[in-house]
C-alpha atoms as a PDB file:
ATOM      1  CA  MET A   1     -14.328  22.544 -21.989  1.00  0.00           C
ATOM      2  CA  ALA A   2     -13.118  24.317 -18.780  1.00  0.00           C
ATOM      3  CA  SER A   3     -14.642  21.793 -16.497  1.00  0.00           C
ATOM      4  CA  ARG A   4     -12.882  19.072 -18.489  1.00  0.00           C
ATOM      5  CA  GLY A   5      -9.580  20.901 -18.122  1.00  0.00           C
ATOM      6  CA  ILE A   6     -10.112  21.162 -14.258  1.00  0.00           C
ATOM      7  CA  GLN A   7     -10.864  17.439 -14.056  1.00  0.00           C
ATOM      8  CA  SER A   8      -7.781  16.649 -16.111  1.00  0.00           C
ATOM      9  CA  ARG A   9      -5.600  18.645 -13.741  1.00  0.00           C
ATOM     10  CA  GLU A  10      -7.211  16.884 -10.707  1.00  0.00           C
ATOM     11  CA  ILE A  11      -6.431  13.558 -12.174  1.00  0.00           C
ATOM     12  CA  ASP A  12      -2.910  14.503 -12.763  1.00  0.00           C
ATOM     13  CA  GLN A  13      -2.587  15.861  -9.142  1.00  0.00           C
ATOM     14  CA  ILE A  14      -3.996  12.650  -7.842  1.00  0.00           C
ATOM     15  CA  ILE A  15      -1.562  10.565  -9.836  1.00  0.00           C
ATOM     16  CA  GLU A  16       1.525  12.772  -8.957  1.00  0.00           C
ATOM     17  CA  ARG A  17       0.492  12.509  -5.129  1.00  0.00           C
ATOM     18  CA  GLN A  18       0.139   8.739  -5.398  1.00  0.00           C
ATOM     19  CA  MET A  19       3.590   8.417  -7.016  1.00  0.00           C
ATOM     20  CA  ARG A  20       5.208  10.387  -4.289  1.00  0.00           C
ATOM     21  CA  GLN A  21       3.478   8.142  -1.730  1.00  0.00           C
ATOM     22  CA  TRP A  22       4.715   4.968  -3.484  1.00  0.00           C
ATOM     23  CA  GLU A  23       8.214   6.307  -3.330  1.00  0.00           C
ATOM     24  CA  LEU A  24       8.019   7.007   0.353  1.00  0.00           C
ATOM     25  CA  GLY A  25       6.325   3.530   0.804  1.00  0.00           C
ATOM     26  CA  ARG A  26       9.373   1.659  -0.590  1.00  0.00           C
ATOM     27  CA  SER A  27      11.132   2.124   2.716  1.00  0.00           C
ATOM     28  CA  ALA A  28      12.792  -0.788   4.471  1.00  0.00           C
ATOM     29  CA  GLN A  29      10.334  -0.553   7.338  1.00  0.00           C
ATOM     30  CA  VAL A  30       7.347  -1.265   5.206  1.00  0.00           C
ATOM     31  CA  ASN A  31       9.120  -4.169   3.617  1.00  0.00           C
ATOM     32  CA  LYS A  32      10.097  -5.512   7.003  1.00  0.00           C
ATOM     33  CA  GLU A  33       6.601  -5.282   8.251  1.00  0.00           C
ATOM     34  CA  ARG A  34       5.328  -7.285   5.448  1.00  0.00           C
ATOM     35  CA  GLU A  35       8.007  -9.874   5.750  1.00  0.00           C
ATOM     36  CA  ALA A  36       7.280 -10.204   9.486  1.00  0.00           C
ATOM     37  CA  HIS A  37       3.620 -10.665   8.867  1.00  0.00           C
ATOM     38  CA  LEU A  38       4.291 -13.627   6.424  1.00  0.00           C
ATOM     39  CA  ALA A  39       7.015 -15.094   8.649  1.00  0.00           C
ATOM     40  CA  ALA A  40       4.607 -15.275  11.494  1.00  0.00           C
ATOM     41  CA  GLY A  41       2.261 -17.409   9.504  1.00  0.00           C
ATOM     42  CA  LYS A  42      -0.477 -14.999   9.109  1.00  0.00           C
ATOM     43  CA  GLY A  43      -1.173 -15.742   5.568  1.00  0.00           C
ATOM     44  CA  GLU A  44      -1.322 -13.356   2.570  1.00  0.00           C
ATOM     45  CA  VAL A  45      -1.794  -9.616   3.086  1.00  0.00           C
ATOM     46  CA  ILE A  46      -4.922  -8.292   1.529  1.00  0.00           C
ATOM     47  CA  ASP A  47      -3.380  -5.509  -0.650  1.00  0.00           C
ATOM     48  CA  TYR A  48      -6.450  -4.234  -2.684  1.00  0.00           C
ATOM     49  CA  ILE A  49     -10.277  -4.197  -3.091  1.00  0.00           C
ATOM     50  CA  THR A  50     -11.702  -4.206  -6.514  1.00  0.00           C
ATOM     51  CA  ILE A  51     -15.204  -2.859  -6.941  1.00  0.00           C
ATOM     52  CA  SER A  52     -17.158  -3.808 -10.196  1.00  0.00           C
ATOM     53  CA  ARG A  53     -20.377  -1.773 -10.314  1.00  0.00           C
ATOM     54  CA  GLU A  54     -23.496  -1.188 -12.424  1.00  0.00           C
ATOM     55  CA  ARG A  55     -24.374   2.308 -13.520  1.00  0.00           C
ATOM     56  CA  GLY A  56     -26.544   3.887 -10.850  1.00  0.00           C
ATOM     57  CA  SER A  57     -25.746   1.191  -8.198  1.00  0.00           C
ATOM     58  CA  GLY A  58     -23.737   3.724  -6.168  1.00  0.00           C
ATOM     59  CA  GLY A  59     -20.405   1.891  -6.490  1.00  0.00           C
ATOM     60  CA  GLU A  60     -18.364   4.977  -6.995  1.00  0.00           C
ATOM     61  CA  GLN A  61     -19.695   6.593  -3.762  1.00  0.00           C
ATOM     62  CA  ILE A  62     -19.204   3.338  -1.837  1.00  0.00           C
ATOM     63  CA  ALA A  63     -15.598   3.237  -2.962  1.00  0.00           C
ATOM     64  CA  LYS A  64     -14.915   6.800  -1.827  1.00  0.00           C
ATOM     65  CA  ILE A  65     -16.463   6.119   1.604  1.00  0.00           C
ATOM     66  CA  LEU A  66     -14.521   2.849   1.942  1.00  0.00           C
ATOM     67  CA  ALA A  67     -11.296   4.680   1.036  1.00  0.00           C
ATOM     68  CA  ASP A  68     -11.883   7.160   3.799  1.00  0.00           C
ATOM     69  CA  LEU A  69     -12.561   4.379   6.310  1.00  0.00           C
ATOM     70  CA  LEU A  70      -9.518   2.409   5.377  1.00  0.00           C
ATOM     71  CA  LYS A  71      -7.297   5.473   4.580  1.00  0.00           C
ATOM     72  CA  TRP A  72      -6.425   3.782   1.219  1.00  0.00           C
ATOM     73  CA  GLN A  73      -6.253   5.345  -2.142  1.00  0.00           C
ATOM     74  CA  TRP A  74      -9.045   4.849  -4.677  1.00  0.00           C
ATOM     75  CA  TYR A  75      -8.812   4.626  -8.483  1.00  0.00           C
ATOM     76  CA  ASP A  76     -11.568   5.020 -10.856  1.00  0.00           C
ATOM     77  CA  ARG A  77     -11.882   4.788 -14.694  1.00  0.00           C
ATOM     78  CA  GLU A  78     -10.534   8.147 -15.444  1.00  0.00           C
ATOM     79  CA  ILE A  79      -7.431   7.880 -13.289  1.00  0.00           C
ATOM     80  CA  LEU A  80      -6.760   4.321 -14.642  1.00  0.00           C
ATOM     81  CA  ASP A  81      -7.097   5.315 -18.248  1.00  0.00           C
ATOM     82  CA  ARG A  82      -4.843   8.216 -17.777  1.00  0.00           C
ATOM     83  CA  MET A  83      -2.133   6.071 -16.229  1.00  0.00           C
ATOM     84  CA  ALA A  84      -2.639   3.543 -19.112  1.00  0.00           C
ATOM     85  CA  GLU A  85      -2.928   5.941 -22.148  1.00  0.00           C
ATOM     86  CA  ASP A  86      -0.448   8.704 -21.158  1.00  0.00           C
ATOM     87  CA  MET A  87       2.934   7.091 -22.074  1.00  0.00           C
ATOM     88  CA  LYS A  88       4.931   9.380 -19.843  1.00  0.00           C
ATOM     89  CA  VAL A  89       2.691   8.524 -16.911  1.00  0.00           C
ATOM     90  CA  HIS A  90       2.557   4.837 -17.936  1.00  0.00           C
ATOM     91  CA  LYS A  91       6.462   4.720 -17.857  1.00  0.00           C
ATOM     92  CA  SER A  92       6.697   6.365 -14.453  1.00  0.00           C
ATOM     93  CA  VAL A  93       4.105   4.066 -12.818  1.00  0.00           C
ATOM     94  CA  VAL A  94       5.801   0.852 -14.153  1.00  0.00           C
ATOM     95  CA  GLN A  95       9.162   2.249 -12.931  1.00  0.00           C
ATOM     96  CA  SER A  96       7.839   2.695  -9.550  1.00  0.00           C
ATOM     97  CA  VAL A  97       8.271  -1.005  -8.803  1.00  0.00           C
ATOM     98  CA  ASP A  98      11.476  -3.049  -8.725  1.00  0.00           C
ATOM     99  CA  GLU A  99      12.796  -5.390 -11.527  1.00  0.00           C
ATOM    100  CA  ARG A 100      11.601  -8.498  -9.662  1.00  0.00           C
ATOM    101  CA  THR A 101       7.968  -7.105  -9.686  1.00  0.00           C
ATOM    102  CA  ILE A 102       8.324  -6.202 -13.370  1.00  0.00           C
ATOM    103  CA  GLY A 103       9.269  -9.651 -14.162  1.00  0.00           C
ATOM    104  CA  TRP A 104       6.278 -11.051 -12.160  1.00  0.00           C
ATOM    105  CA  ILE A 105       3.926  -8.663 -14.083  1.00  0.00           C
ATOM    106  CA  GLU A 106       5.344  -9.794 -17.422  1.00  0.00           C
ATOM    107  CA  ASP A 107       4.936 -13.505 -16.422  1.00  0.00           C
ATOM    108  CA  TRP A 108       1.362 -12.893 -15.308  1.00  0.00           C
ATOM    109  CA  LEU A 109       0.415 -11.029 -18.481  1.00  0.00           C
ATOM    110  CA  GLY A 110       2.213 -13.446 -20.906  1.00  0.00           C
ATOM    111  CA  PRO A 111      -0.559 -16.192 -21.123  1.00  0.00           C
ATOM    112  CA  LEU A 112      -3.374 -13.619 -20.668  1.00  0.00           C
ATOM    113  CA  PHE A 113      -3.092 -11.909 -24.079  1.00  0.00           C
ATOM    114  CA  THR A 114      -1.401 -14.790 -26.048  1.00  0.00           C
ATOM    115  CA  GLY A 115      -2.986 -15.295 -29.428  1.00  0.00           C
ATOM    116  CA  ARG A 116      -5.168 -12.251 -29.200  1.00  0.00           C
ATOM    117  CA  SER A 117      -5.702  -9.946 -32.308  1.00  0.00           C
ATOM    118  CA  VAL A 118      -4.073  -6.590 -32.221  1.00  0.00           C
ATOM    119  CA  GLY A 119      -7.082  -4.295 -32.040  1.00  0.00           C
ATOM    120  CA  GLN A 120      -7.052  -2.584 -28.607  1.00  0.00           C
ATOM    121  CA  LEU A 121      -4.594  -5.139 -27.409  1.00  0.00           C
ATOM    122  CA  SER A 122      -1.880  -2.465 -26.622  1.00  0.00           C
ATOM    123  CA  TYR A 123      -4.313  -0.473 -24.519  1.00  0.00           C
ATOM    124  CA  TYR A 124      -5.413  -3.689 -22.662  1.00  0.00           C
ATOM    125  CA  GLN A 125      -1.836  -4.664 -21.954  1.00  0.00           C
ATOM    126  CA  HIS A 126      -0.999  -1.267 -20.676  1.00  0.00           C
ATOM    127  CA  LEU A 127      -4.046  -1.158 -18.441  1.00  0.00           C
ATOM    128  CA  ALA A 128      -3.455  -4.569 -17.132  1.00  0.00           C
ATOM    129  CA  LYS A 129       0.177  -3.553 -16.307  1.00  0.00           C
ATOM    130  CA  ILE A 130      -1.103  -0.531 -14.470  1.00  0.00           C
ATOM    131  CA  LEU A 131      -3.630  -2.624 -12.460  1.00  0.00           C
ATOM    132  CA  LEU A 132      -0.897  -5.060 -11.356  1.00  0.00           C
ATOM    133  CA  VAL A 133       1.495  -2.256 -10.269  1.00  0.00           C
ATOM    134  CA  ILE A 134      -1.207  -0.657  -8.311  1.00  0.00           C
ATOM    135  CA  ALA A 135      -2.115  -4.009  -6.694  1.00  0.00           C
ATOM    136  CA  ARG A 136       1.667  -4.686  -5.945  1.00  0.00           C
ATOM    137  CA  HIS A 137       1.963  -1.335  -4.059  1.00  0.00           C
ATOM    138  CA  GLY A 138      -1.140  -2.218  -2.046  1.00  0.00           C
ATOM    139  CA  GLN A 139      -3.669  -0.307  -0.080  1.00  0.00           C
ATOM    140  CA  ALA A 140      -5.765   0.418  -3.134  1.00  0.00           C
ATOM    141  CA  ILE A 141      -9.435   0.496  -3.979  1.00  0.00           C
ATOM    142  CA  ILE A 142      -9.865  -0.010  -7.704  1.00  0.00           C
ATOM    143  CA  VAL A 143     -13.240   0.812  -9.365  1.00  0.00           C
ATOM    144  CA  GLY A 144     -14.052  -0.822 -12.584  1.00  0.00           C
ATOM    145  CA  ARG A 145     -11.889  -1.687 -15.552  1.00  0.00           C
ATOM    146  CA  ALA A 146     -12.196  -5.467 -14.906  1.00  0.00           C
ATOM    147  CA  ALA A 147      -9.578  -5.291 -12.105  1.00  0.00           C
ATOM    148  CA  GLY A 148     -11.388  -7.908 -10.061  1.00  0.00           C
ATOM    149  CA  LEU A 149     -11.360 -10.290 -12.992  1.00  0.00           C
ATOM    150  CA  LEU A 150      -7.640  -9.598 -13.928  1.00  0.00           C
ATOM    151  CA  LEU A 151      -5.743  -9.404 -10.623  1.00  0.00           C
ATOM    152  CA  PRO A 152      -4.742 -12.415  -8.556  1.00  0.00           C
ATOM    153  CA  ARG A 153      -7.533 -13.390  -6.327  1.00  0.00           C
ATOM    154  CA  GLN A 154      -5.574 -14.349  -3.265  1.00  0.00           C
ATOM    155  CA  ARG A 155      -4.147 -10.940  -2.666  1.00  0.00           C
ATOM    156  CA  GLY A 156      -7.484  -8.917  -2.931  1.00  0.00           C
ATOM    157  CA  LEU A 157     -10.997  -8.739  -2.186  1.00  0.00           C
ATOM    158  CA  SER A 158     -13.411  -8.660  -5.220  1.00  0.00           C
ATOM    159  CA  VAL A 159     -16.773  -6.891  -4.916  1.00  0.00           C
ATOM    160  CA  ARG A 160     -19.790  -6.461  -7.253  1.00  0.00           C
ATOM    161  CA  VAL A 161     -22.144  -3.701  -6.572  1.00  0.00           C
ATOM    162  CA  THR A 162     -25.672  -4.033  -8.203  1.00  0.00           C
ATOM    163  CA  ALA A 163     -29.194  -2.762  -7.797  1.00  0.00           C
ATOM    164  CA  PRO A 164     -32.505  -3.312  -9.611  1.00  0.00           C
ATOM    165  CA  PHE A 165     -32.517  -1.687 -13.090  1.00  0.00           C
ATOM    166  CA  GLU A 166     -35.466   0.507 -12.519  1.00  0.00           C
ATOM    167  CA  LEU A 167     -33.889   1.849  -9.249  1.00  0.00           C
ATOM    168  CA  ARG A 168     -30.600   2.463 -11.002  1.00  0.00           C
ATOM    169  CA  CYS A 169     -32.291   4.416 -13.769  1.00  0.00           C
ATOM    170  CA  GLU A 170     -34.285   6.597 -11.165  1.00  0.00           C
ATOM    171  CA  ARG A 171     -31.168   7.304  -9.307  1.00  0.00           C
ATOM    172  CA  TYR A 172     -29.306   8.234 -12.467  1.00  0.00           C
ATOM    173  CA  ALA A 173     -32.078  10.506 -13.524  1.00  0.00           C
ATOM    174  CA  GLN A 174     -32.116  12.377 -10.101  1.00  0.00           C
ATOM    175  CA  GLU A 175     -28.389  12.681  -9.886  1.00  0.00           C
ATOM    176  CA  ASN A 176     -27.918  13.969 -13.430  1.00  0.00           C
ATOM    177  CA  GLN A 177     -31.181  15.931 -13.674  1.00  0.00           C
ATOM    178  CA  VAL A 178     -32.370  14.100 -16.828  1.00  0.00           C
ATOM    179  CA  GLY A 179     -35.815  12.517 -17.572  1.00  0.00           C
ATOM    180  CA  LEU A 180     -36.360   8.880 -16.663  1.00  0.00           C
ATOM    181  CA  LYS A 181     -36.467   7.774 -20.332  1.00  0.00           C
ATOM    182  CA  GLU A 182     -33.222   9.374 -21.243  1.00  0.00           C
ATOM    183  CA  ALA A 183     -31.698   7.708 -17.984  1.00  0.00           C
ATOM    184  CA  LYS A 184     -33.003   4.392 -18.965  1.00  0.00           C
ATOM    185  CA  GLY A 185     -31.158   4.597 -22.462  1.00  0.00           C
ATOM    186  CA  ILE A 186     -27.948   5.766 -20.817  1.00  0.00           C
ATOM    187  CA  VAL A 187     -28.008   2.856 -18.184  1.00  0.00           C
ATOM    188  CA  GLN A 188     -28.720   0.247 -20.777  1.00  0.00           C
ATOM    189  CA  LYS A 189     -25.929   1.674 -22.977  1.00  0.00           C
ATOM    190  CA  ALA A 190     -23.476   1.532 -20.010  1.00  0.00           C
ATOM    191  CA  ASP A 191     -24.375  -1.836 -19.123  1.00  0.00           C
ATOM    192  CA  ARG A 192     -23.829  -3.122 -22.673  1.00  0.00           C
ATOM    193  CA  ALA A 193     -20.485  -1.270 -22.917  1.00  0.00           C
ATOM    194  CA  GLN A 194     -19.287  -2.577 -19.598  1.00  0.00           C
ATOM    195  CA  ARG A 195     -20.116  -6.202 -20.526  1.00  0.00           C
ATOM    196  CA  SER A 196     -18.588  -5.724 -23.977  1.00  0.00           C
ATOM    197  CA  PHE A 197     -15.401  -4.255 -22.434  1.00  0.00           C
ATOM    198  CA  VAL A 198     -14.787  -7.266 -20.097  1.00  0.00           C
ATOM    199  CA  ARG A 199     -15.607  -9.810 -22.940  1.00  0.00           C
ATOM    200  CA  ASP A 200     -13.162  -8.114 -25.342  1.00  0.00           C
ATOM    201  CA  MET A 201     -10.351  -7.687 -22.867  1.00  0.00           C
ATOM    202  CA  LEU A 202     -10.638 -11.017 -20.888  1.00  0.00           C
ATOM    203  CA  ASN A 203     -13.143 -13.140 -22.789  1.00  0.00           C
ATOM    204  CA  THR A 204     -15.249 -13.653 -19.764  1.00  0.00           C
ATOM    205  CA  ASP A 205     -18.713 -12.881 -18.396  1.00  0.00           C
ATOM    206  CA  LEU A 206     -18.755  -9.806 -16.177  1.00  0.00           C
ATOM    207  CA  TRP A 207     -22.054 -10.961 -14.500  1.00  0.00           C
ATOM    208  CA  ASP A 208     -20.904 -14.488 -13.358  1.00  0.00           C
ATOM    209  CA  CYS A 209     -21.135 -14.076  -9.580  1.00  0.00           C
ATOM    210  CA  ARG A 210     -18.488 -16.664  -9.204  1.00  0.00           C
ATOM    211  CA  HIS A 211     -15.857 -14.001  -9.954  1.00  0.00           C
ATOM    212  CA  TYR A 212     -16.591 -12.056  -6.771  1.00  0.00           C
ATOM    213  CA  ASP A 213     -16.149 -12.686  -3.186  1.00  0.00           C
ATOM    214  CA  ILE A 214     -19.272 -10.582  -2.295  1.00  0.00           C
ATOM    215  CA  VAL A 215     -22.072  -9.146  -4.275  1.00  0.00           C
ATOM    216  CA  ILE A 216     -24.020  -6.204  -2.715  1.00  0.00           C
ATOM    217  CA  ASN A 217     -27.546  -5.184  -3.796  1.00  0.00           C
ATOM    218  CA  THR A 218     -27.807  -1.588  -2.801  1.00  0.00           C
ATOM    219  CA  GLU A 219     -31.680  -1.564  -3.127  1.00  0.00           C
ATOM    220  CA  LYS A 220     -32.089  -1.432   0.690  1.00  0.00           C
ATOM    221  CA  LEU A 221     -28.516  -0.479   1.772  1.00  0.00           C
ATOM    222  CA  THR A 222     -27.063   3.058   1.874  1.00  0.00           C
ATOM    223  CA  PRO A 223     -23.569   3.717   0.446  1.00  0.00           C
ATOM    224  CA  LYS A 224     -22.189   4.057   3.983  1.00  0.00           C
ATOM    225  CA  SER A 225     -23.768   0.718   5.148  1.00  0.00           C
ATOM    226  CA  SER A 226     -22.470  -1.001   1.899  1.00  0.00           C
ATOM    227  CA  ALA A 227     -18.856   0.356   2.534  1.00  0.00           C
ATOM    228  CA  LYS A 228     -18.946  -0.939   6.147  1.00  0.00           C
ATOM    229  CA  LEU A 229     -20.129  -4.406   4.825  1.00  0.00           C
ATOM    230  CA  ILE A 230     -17.057  -4.563   2.563  1.00  0.00           C
ATOM    231  CA  TRP A 231     -14.762  -3.397   5.392  1.00  0.00           C
ATOM    232  CA  ARG A 232     -16.382  -6.072   7.639  1.00  0.00           C
ATOM    233  CA  THR A 233     -15.739  -8.677   4.777  1.00  0.00           C
ATOM    234  CA  LEU A 234     -12.264  -7.647   4.450  1.00  0.00           C
ATOM    235  CA  ASP A 235     -11.607  -8.229   8.234  1.00  0.00           C
ATOM    236  CA  GLN A 236     -13.166 -11.663   7.919  1.00  0.00           C
ATOM    237  CA  ARG A 237     -11.022 -12.554   4.964  1.00  0.00           C
ATOM    238  CA  ARG A 238      -7.973 -11.661   6.993  1.00  0.00           C
ATOM    239  CA  VAL A 239      -9.153 -13.708  10.116  1.00  0.00           C
ATOM    240  CA  GLY A 240      -9.895 -16.654   7.831  1.00  0.00           C
ATOM    241  CA  GLU A 241      -6.420 -16.593   6.218  1.00  0.00           C
ATOM    242  CA  GLU A 242      -4.683 -16.250   9.711  1.00  0.00           C
ATOM    243  CA  LYS A 243      -6.284 -19.524  10.731  1.00  0.00           C
ATOM    244  CA  LEU A 244      -5.030 -21.437   7.680  1.00  0.00           C
END
């Protein structure tokens, strides 16, 4: 229980720190730089990287290394869920953007959830709104929660991190000090839950590679090499858009 409390405080501290950075980032200078970039015909700014990962593939570690390389903030499932489920935090996050952005978010979400049954719809809407706010602020690395499938593709880089099943189980067993048989059950359950979450939220197939700009198999790549590969892909996306 104590460790869970510590983790909860750490999540709150991350969110509070990010809220302060967003407030500082709403300066006129930041807006002028973005406007100048677009006016110069340099195409869209890449504001975020989404990382969809299989359990045991190393996606979380890759995200943290990439965040250090780019000096961007990373968001994992725990942070995103706290932002979506805690109504006080959720309200503060949404209020961190202007009315024009809020209008854009509502327009984007409208068709997405039309005709859906209630169920977890409220949570899905809150989560989607949080993802869109984070994307709008920019310089974000978002891990999981179907971010790459929900956010506008033209402003982000969508990544899928995978590895062979047996290897993922071996890694999980080693990292969590459990037997291989137990690890297999946990990894299989995580795969089913992840696929079910995306299907229920967006009615799409998580494993369809057409959803992603790059798919990385970490069987023969270290987390650092994978992070650098994503960084290089980001640079190439920027170069490609500047030539349009």
